[in-house]
C-alpha atoms as a PDB file:
ATOM      1  CA  MET A   1      64.515  66.983  74.625  1.00  0.00           C
ATOM      2  CA  LYS A   2      63.410  63.401  73.983  1.00  0.00           C
ATOM      3  CA  ALA A   3      64.764  61.095  71.301  1.00  0.00           C
ATOM      4  CA  MET A   4      63.322  58.282  69.210  1.00  0.00           C
ATOM      5  CA  ILE A   5      65.241  55.377  67.696  1.00  0.00           C
ATOM      6  CA  LEU A   6      63.560  53.812  64.670  1.00  0.00           C
ATOM      7  CA  ALA A   7      63.928  50.051  65.033  1.00  0.00           C
ATOM      8  CA  ALA A   8      60.900  48.552  63.277  1.00  0.00           C
ATOM      9  CA  GLY A   9      62.502  47.572  59.972  1.00  0.00           C
ATOM     10  CA  ARG A  10      62.483  43.979  58.781  1.00  0.00           C
ATOM     11  CA  GLY A  11      66.100  44.037  57.586  1.00  0.00           C
ATOM     12  CA  GLU A  12      65.514  42.005  54.441  1.00  0.00           C
ATOM     13  CA  ARG A  13      68.909  42.906  52.946  1.00  0.00           C
ATOM     14  CA  MET A  14      70.603  41.650  56.120  1.00  0.00           C
ATOM     15  CA  ARG A  15      69.293  38.102  55.770  1.00  0.00           C
ATOM     16  CA  PRO A  16      70.178  35.491  56.889  1.00  0.00           C
ATOM     17  CA  LEU A  17      71.479  37.467  59.901  1.00  0.00           C
ATOM     18  CA  THR A  18      68.007  38.856  60.565  1.00  0.00           C
ATOM     19  CA  ASP A  19      66.105  35.593  60.239  1.00  0.00           C
ATOM     20  CA  ARG A  20      66.262  35.113  64.006  1.00  0.00           C
ATOM     21  CA  THR A  21      67.571  38.457  65.250  1.00  0.00           C
ATOM     22  CA  PRO A  22      66.077  41.927  64.714  1.00  0.00           C
ATOM     23  CA  LYS A  23      68.463  44.182  62.822  1.00  0.00           C
ATOM     24  CA  PRO A  24      69.048  46.661  65.695  1.00  0.00           C
ATOM     25  CA  LEU A  25      70.437  43.822  67.835  1.00  0.00           C
ATOM     26  CA  LEU A  26      73.079  42.787  65.300  1.00  0.00           C
ATOM     27  CA  GLU A  27      76.482  43.488  66.779  1.00  0.00           C
ATOM     28  CA  ALA A  28      79.443  45.579  65.689  1.00  0.00           C
ATOM     29  CA  GLY A  29      82.399  46.293  67.911  1.00  0.00           C
ATOM     30  CA  GLY A  30      81.125  43.882  70.531  1.00  0.00           C
ATOM     31  CA  LYS A  31      77.709  45.453  71.118  1.00  0.00           C
ATOM     32  CA  PRO A  32      74.352  45.760  69.311  1.00  0.00           C
ATOM     33  CA  LEU A  33      73.927  48.592  66.830  1.00  0.00           C
ATOM     34  CA  ILE A  34      71.116  50.053  68.906  1.00  0.00           C
ATOM     35  CA  VAL A  35      73.277  50.089  72.044  1.00  0.00           C
ATOM     36  CA  HIS A  36      75.800  52.280  70.238  1.00  0.00           C
ATOM     37  CA  GLN A  37      72.903  54.670  69.606  1.00  0.00           C
ATOM     38  CA  ILE A  38      71.689  54.599  73.206  1.00  0.00           C
ATOM     39  CA  GLU A  39      75.162  55.253  74.583  1.00  0.00           C
ATOM     40  CA  ARG A  40      75.782  58.206  72.295  1.00  0.00           C
ATOM     41  CA  LEU A  41      72.393  59.706  73.086  1.00  0.00           C
ATOM     42  CA  GLN A  42      73.031  59.331  76.817  1.00  0.00           C
ATOM     43  CA  GLN A  43      76.460  60.944  76.494  1.00  0.00           C
ATOM     44  CA  ALA A  44      74.840  63.878  74.671  1.00  0.00           C
ATOM     45  CA  GLY A  45      72.391  64.451  77.534  1.00  0.00           C
ATOM     46  CA  PHE A  46      69.315  62.580  76.299  1.00  0.00           C
ATOM     47  CA  ARG A  47      67.579  60.698  79.096  1.00  0.00           C
ATOM     48  CA  GLU A  48      64.094  59.948  77.694  1.00  0.00           C
ATOM     49  CA  LEU A  49      64.068  57.571  74.721  1.00  0.00           C
ATOM     50  CA  VAL A  50      61.303  56.000  72.647  1.00  0.00           C
ATOM     51  CA  ILE A  51      62.008  52.927  70.521  1.00  0.00           C
ATOM     52  CA  ASN A  52      59.521  51.568  67.994  1.00  0.00           C
ATOM     53  CA  HIS A  53      59.681  47.966  66.910  1.00  0.00           C
ATOM     54  CA  ALA A  54      57.800  45.361  64.897  1.00  0.00           C
ATOM     55  CA  TYR A  55      59.643  42.290  63.614  1.00  0.00           C
ATOM     56  CA  LEU A  56      60.928  40.249  66.594  1.00  0.00           C
ATOM     57  CA  GLY A  57      60.375  43.336  68.717  1.00  0.00           C
ATOM     58  CA  HIS A  58      60.067  41.340  71.927  1.00  0.00           C
ATOM     59  CA  GLN A  59      63.770  40.582  71.630  1.00  0.00           C
ATOM     60  CA  ILE A  60      64.558  44.298  71.655  1.00  0.00           C
ATOM     61  CA  GLU A  61      62.504  44.890  74.803  1.00  0.00           C
ATOM     62  CA  THR A  62      64.054  41.874  76.529  1.00  0.00           C
ATOM     63  CA  ARG A  63      67.607  42.931  75.651  1.00  0.00           C
ATOM     64  CA  LEU A  64      67.264  46.628  76.501  1.00  0.00           C
ATOM     65  CA  GLY A  65      64.723  46.602  79.307  1.00  0.00           C
ATOM     66  CA  ASP A  66      63.876  49.997  80.778  1.00  0.00           C
ATOM     67  CA  GLY A  67      67.251  51.456  79.807  1.00  0.00           C
ATOM     68  CA  SER A  68      68.421  52.002  83.378  1.00  0.00           C
ATOM     69  CA  ARG A  69      71.734  50.210  82.811  1.00  0.00           C
ATOM     70  CA  TRP A  70      72.670  53.027  80.415  1.00  0.00           C
ATOM     71  CA  GLY A  71      71.261  55.820  82.545  1.00  0.00           C
ATOM     72  CA  VAL A  72      68.205  56.430  80.345  1.00  0.00           C
ATOM     73  CA  ARG A  73      64.500  55.655  80.436  1.00  0.00           C
ATOM     74  CA  ILE A  74      63.217  53.670  77.451  1.00  0.00           C
ATOM     75  CA  ARG A  75      59.583  53.482  76.392  1.00  0.00           C
ATOM     76  CA  TYR A  76      58.459  51.262  73.541  1.00  0.00           C
ATOM     77  CA  SER A  77      56.057  51.790  70.647  1.00  0.00           C
ATOM     78  CA  PRO A  78      55.221  48.360  69.182  1.00  0.00           C
ATOM     79  CA  GLU A  79      53.760  48.233  65.681  1.00  0.00           C
ATOM     80  CA  ASP A  80      51.562  45.519  64.205  1.00  0.00           C
ATOM     81  CA  PRO A  81      51.598  45.889  61.272  1.00  0.00           C
ATOM     82  CA  PRO A  82      54.729  48.018  60.715  1.00  0.00           C
ATOM     83  CA  LEU A  83      53.901  51.679  60.108  1.00  0.00           C
ATOM     84  CA  GLU A  84      56.914  52.807  58.062  1.00  0.00           C
ATOM     85  CA  THR A  85      58.906  55.790  59.270  1.00  0.00           C
ATOM     86  CA  GLY A  86      56.156  58.403  59.112  1.00  0.00           C
ATOM     87  CA  GLY A  87      53.413  56.357  60.709  1.00  0.00           C
ATOM     88  CA  GLY A  88      55.796  55.047  63.336  1.00  0.00           C
ATOM     89  CA  ILE A  89      56.656  58.566  64.485  1.00  0.00           C
ATOM     90  CA  VAL A  90      53.003  59.607  64.504  1.00  0.00           C
ATOM     91  CA  GLN A  91      52.055  56.671  66.726  1.00  0.00           C
ATOM     92  CA  ALA A  92      54.849  57.601  69.160  1.00  0.00           C
ATOM     93  CA  LEU A  93      53.977  61.318  69.364  1.00  0.00           C
ATOM     94  CA  PRO A  94      52.101  61.019  72.694  1.00  0.00           C
ATOM     95  CA  MET A  95      55.317  59.681  74.255  1.00  0.00           C
ATOM     96  CA  LEU A  96      57.542  62.307  72.638  1.00  0.00           C
ATOM     97  CA  GLY A  97      55.814  65.327  74.127  1.00  0.00           C
ATOM     98  CA  PRO A  98      54.865  68.776  72.784  1.00  0.00           C
ATOM     99  CA  GLY A  99      58.340  70.040  71.924  1.00  0.00           C
ATOM    100  CA  PRO A 100      60.935  69.219  69.261  1.00  0.00           C
ATOM    101  CA  PHE A 101      62.446  65.742  69.417  1.00  0.00           C
ATOM    102  CA  LEU A 102      65.375  63.923  67.846  1.00  0.00           C
ATOM    103  CA  VAL A 103      64.860  60.895  65.610  1.00  0.00           C
ATOM    104  CA  THR A 104      67.598  58.570  64.406  1.00  0.00           C
ATOM    105  CA  ASN A 105      67.513  55.429  62.318  1.00  0.00           C
ATOM    106  CA  GLY A 106      68.457  52.386  64.348  1.00  0.00           C
ATOM    107  CA  ASP A 107      70.671  50.977  61.582  1.00  0.00           C
ATOM    108  CA  ILE A 108      73.186  53.803  61.214  1.00  0.00           C
ATOM    109  CA  TRP A 109      76.462  54.562  62.961  1.00  0.00           C
ATOM    110  CA  MET A 110      77.849  58.085  62.933  1.00  0.00           C
ATOM    111  CA  ASP A 111      79.972  60.338  65.103  1.00  0.00           C
ATOM    112  CA  TYR A 112      77.850  63.475  64.743  1.00  0.00           C
ATOM    113  CA  PRO A 113      77.978  65.542  67.990  1.00  0.00           C
ATOM    114  CA  LEU A 114      74.366  65.040  69.034  1.00  0.00           C
ATOM    115  CA  HIS A 115      74.484  67.675  71.772  1.00  0.00           C
ATOM    116  CA  ARG A 116      74.626  70.433  69.164  1.00  0.00           C
ATOM    117  CA  LEU A 117      71.552  69.363  67.183  1.00  0.00           C
ATOM    118  CA  ARG A 118      68.887  72.079  67.351  1.00  0.00           C
ATOM    119  CA  LEU A 119      65.715  73.004  65.479  1.00  0.00           C
ATOM    120  CA  PRO A 120      66.066  76.514  64.022  1.00  0.00           C
ATOM    121  CA  VAL A 121      63.261  78.991  64.587  1.00  0.00           C
ATOM    122  CA  GLY A 122      60.654  78.701  61.851  1.00  0.00           C
ATOM    123  CA  SER A 123      61.592  75.148  60.864  1.00  0.00           C
ATOM    124  CA  LEU A 124      59.439  72.079  61.374  1.00  0.00           C
ATOM    125  CA  ALA A 125      62.381  69.768  60.718  1.00  0.00           C
ATOM    126  CA  HIS A 126      66.165  69.924  60.590  1.00  0.00           C
ATOM    127  CA  LEU A 127      68.000  67.191  58.703  1.00  0.00           C
ATOM    128  CA  VAL A 128      71.607  66.047  58.786  1.00  0.00           C
ATOM    129  CA  LEU A 129      72.780  65.292  55.246  1.00  0.00           C
ATOM    130  CA  VAL A 130      75.933  63.454  54.197  1.00  0.00           C
ATOM    131  CA  ASN A 131      77.855  62.898  50.988  1.00  0.00           C
ATOM    132  CA  ASN A 132      76.349  60.212  48.788  1.00  0.00           C
ATOM    133  CA  PRO A 133      77.740  56.730  49.465  1.00  0.00           C
ATOM    134  CA  PRO A 134      78.476  54.298  46.603  1.00  0.00           C
ATOM    135  CA  HIS A 135      75.246  52.372  47.253  1.00  0.00           C
ATOM    136  CA  HIS A 136      73.125  55.556  47.009  1.00  0.00           C
ATOM    137  CA  PRO A 137      74.851  57.746  44.403  1.00  0.00           C
ATOM    138  CA  ALA A 138      71.885  59.981  43.527  1.00  0.00           C
ATOM    139  CA  GLY A 139      71.174  61.178  47.055  1.00  0.00           C
ATOM    140  CA  ASP A 140      67.885  62.373  48.520  1.00  0.00           C
ATOM    141  CA  PHE A 141      67.764  66.130  49.105  1.00  0.00           C
ATOM    142  CA  SER A 142      69.738  69.177  48.094  1.00  0.00           C
ATOM    143  CA  LEU A 143      70.854  72.022  50.339  1.00  0.00           C
ATOM    144  CA  GLU A 144      70.489  75.713  49.561  1.00  0.00           C
ATOM    145  CA  ALA A 145      71.266  78.497  52.028  1.00  0.00           C
ATOM    146  CA  GLY A 146      70.531  76.266  54.995  1.00  0.00           C
ATOM    147  CA  LEU A 147      67.269  74.890  53.602  1.00  0.00           C
ATOM    148  CA  ALA A 148      66.618  71.362  52.340  1.00  0.00           C
ATOM    149  CA  ARG A 149      65.171  71.108  48.851  1.00  0.00           C
ATOM    150  CA  PRO A 150      63.106  68.200  47.414  1.00  0.00           C
ATOM    151  CA  ARG A 151      65.550  67.138  44.731  1.00  0.00           C
ATOM    152  CA  PRO A 152      68.580  64.835  44.806  1.00  0.00           C
ATOM    153  CA  GLY A 153      71.880  66.182  46.009  1.00  0.00           C
ATOM    154  CA  TYR A 154      73.023  64.734  49.318  1.00  0.00           C
ATOM    155  CA  THR A 155      71.937  61.652  51.221  1.00  0.00           C
ATOM    156  CA  PHE A 156      69.734  61.956  54.288  1.00  0.00           C
ATOM    157  CA  SER A 157      71.740  60.427  57.127  1.00  0.00           C
ATOM    158  CA  GLY A 158      68.704  59.180  59.051  1.00  0.00           C
ATOM    159  CA  LEU A 159      69.344  61.738  61.818  1.00  0.00           C
ATOM    160  CA  GLY A 160      67.053  64.715  62.270  1.00  0.00           C
ATOM    161  CA  ILE A 161      65.058  66.794  64.682  1.00  0.00           C
ATOM    162  CA  TYR A 162      61.336  67.414  64.260  1.00  0.00           C
ATOM    163  CA  HIS A 163      58.537  69.522  65.654  1.00  0.00           C
ATOM    164  CA  PRO A 164      55.252  67.716  66.321  1.00  0.00           C
ATOM    165  CA  ASP A 165      53.476  70.250  64.096  1.00  0.00           C
ATOM    166  CA  LEU A 166      55.152  68.621  61.088  1.00  0.00           C
ATOM    167  CA  PHE A 167      52.789  65.698  61.624  1.00  0.00           C
ATOM    168  CA  CYS A 168      49.631  67.746  62.127  1.00  0.00           C
ATOM    169  CA  GLY A 169      46.686  65.933  60.541  1.00  0.00           C
ATOM    170  CA  CYS A 170      48.617  62.694  60.062  1.00  0.00           C
ATOM    171  CA  ARG A 171      47.270  59.377  61.259  1.00  0.00           C
ATOM    172  CA  PRO A 172      49.266  56.398  62.589  1.00  0.00           C
ATOM    173  CA  ASP A 173      48.926  54.602  59.268  1.00  0.00           C
ATOM    174  CA  PRO A 174      51.852  53.381  57.161  1.00  0.00           C
ATOM    175  CA  PHE A 175      53.449  56.220  55.198  1.00  0.00           C
ATOM    176  CA  PRO A 176      57.020  57.291  54.358  1.00  0.00           C
ATOM    177  CA  LEU A 177      58.515  60.256  56.155  1.00  0.00           C
ATOM    178  CA  GLY A 178      60.159  61.454  52.950  1.00  0.00           C
ATOM    179  CA  ALA A 179      56.866  62.423  51.325  1.00  0.00           C
ATOM    180  CA  LEU A 180      55.899  64.550  54.320  1.00  0.00           C
ATOM    181  CA  LEU A 181      59.308  66.213  54.403  1.00  0.00           C
ATOM    182  CA  ARG A 182      59.133  67.118  50.717  1.00  0.00           C
ATOM    183  CA  GLN A 183      55.808  68.840  51.266  1.00  0.00           C
ATOM    184  CA  ALA A 184      57.317  70.905  54.085  1.00  0.00           C
ATOM    185  CA  MET A 185      60.413  71.671  51.997  1.00  0.00           C
ATOM    186  CA  ARG A 186      58.240  73.309  49.377  1.00  0.00           C
ATOM    187  CA  ARG A 187      57.019  75.646  52.142  1.00  0.00           C
ATOM    188  CA  ASP A 188      60.613  76.426  53.251  1.00  0.00           C
ATOM    189  CA  GLN A 189      59.982  74.714  56.593  1.00  0.00           C
ATOM    190  CA  VAL A 190      62.851  72.206  56.557  1.00  0.00           C
ATOM    191  CA  SER A 191      66.383  73.299  57.370  1.00  0.00           C
ATOM    192  CA  ALA A 192      69.444  71.120  56.899  1.00  0.00           C
ATOM    193  CA  GLU A 193      73.196  70.856  57.257  1.00  0.00           C
ATOM    194  CA  ARG A 194      75.875  68.726  55.629  1.00  0.00           C
ATOM    195  CA  TYR A 195      77.999  66.588  57.911  1.00  0.00           C
ATOM    196  CA  SER A 196      81.370  65.382  56.665  1.00  0.00           C
ATOM    197  CA  GLY A 197      82.319  63.096  59.559  1.00  0.00           C
ATOM    198  CA  ASP A 198      81.932  59.334  59.841  1.00  0.00           C
ATOM    199  CA  TRP A 199      78.571  57.891  58.785  1.00  0.00           C
ATOM    200  CA  TRP A 200      77.722  54.262  58.131  1.00  0.00           C
ATOM    201  CA  ASP A 201      74.453  52.921  56.762  1.00  0.00           C
ATOM    202  CA  ILE A 202      74.457  49.321  57.986  1.00  0.00           C
ATOM    203  CA  GLY A 203      72.249  47.906  55.262  1.00  0.00           C
ATOM    204  CA  THR A 204      74.057  44.717  54.302  1.00  0.00           C
ATOM    205  CA  PRO A 205      76.070  41.988  56.056  1.00  0.00           C
ATOM    206  CA  GLU A 206      79.168  43.252  54.256  1.00  0.00           C
ATOM    207  CA  ARG A 207      78.825  46.775  55.665  1.00  0.00           C
ATOM    208  CA  LEU A 208      78.135  45.353  59.126  1.00  0.00           C
ATOM    209  CA  ALA A 209      81.356  43.338  58.894  1.00  0.00           C
ATOM    210  CA  GLN A 210      83.276  46.428  57.758  1.00  0.00           C
ATOM    211  CA  LEU A 211      81.986  48.466  60.702  1.00  0.00           C
ATOM    212  CA  ASP A 212      82.756  45.623  63.090  1.00  0.00           C
ATOM    213  CA  ALA A 213      86.333  45.491  61.834  1.00  0.00           C
ATOM    214  CA  ARG A 214      86.661  49.270  62.065  1.00  0.00           C
ATOM    215  CA  LEU A 215      85.407  49.434  65.646  1.00  0.00           C
ATOM    216  CA  GLY A 216      87.572  46.449  66.563  1.00  0.00           C
ATOM    217  CA  ARG A 217      90.686  48.256  65.338  1.00  0.00           C
ATOM    218  CA  GLU A 218      89.770  51.389  67.311  1.00  0.00           C
ATOM    219  CA  ALA A 219      89.366  49.345  70.498  1.00  0.00           C
ATOM    220  CA  HIS A 220      92.987  48.118  70.354  1.00  0.00           C
END
């Protein structure tokens, strides 16, 4: 199975840190956020990765190269203009192949065991949901008998697995993934699970500093 890391966001809430550095290259625990993702994917058996980028994307390609230093192969999907989550995935589909693929936001940190992530039969998507954090108290989707529902309940972690058929008929134009998922939920084609382990949404300098301190403590 291949995996895609979404790394095309502008990171407005992270300014001024992102004025000269793309958000995925901001560091916590002595390494860029996106390197944490690459290492965990490699450890879980993923060897073929696709990374999209837009703002200061050349820095990402220069820093990561072809991925060989981590034992993976990285291909890039540059966007100009940015395509949002949905359009970004659609543009990358030719590199992701005909089977299910994993997608993770580039600005999260979590200890979910990636090797166990699977797409159930009959589903076009499987989402990992988490308890609502203080900065997102309403949540995104609810969970009923293993199916995601298009009403608030839990927060979407940014980690999921998708079948290319979910994007059938879509064009590589800017559109949010959430709208497409809600359509599929109404057809009972999106499964989900709730994960209660560690999950960090690195959306502000304060949360980046908190994660950096946490990872620093674990290293000693």
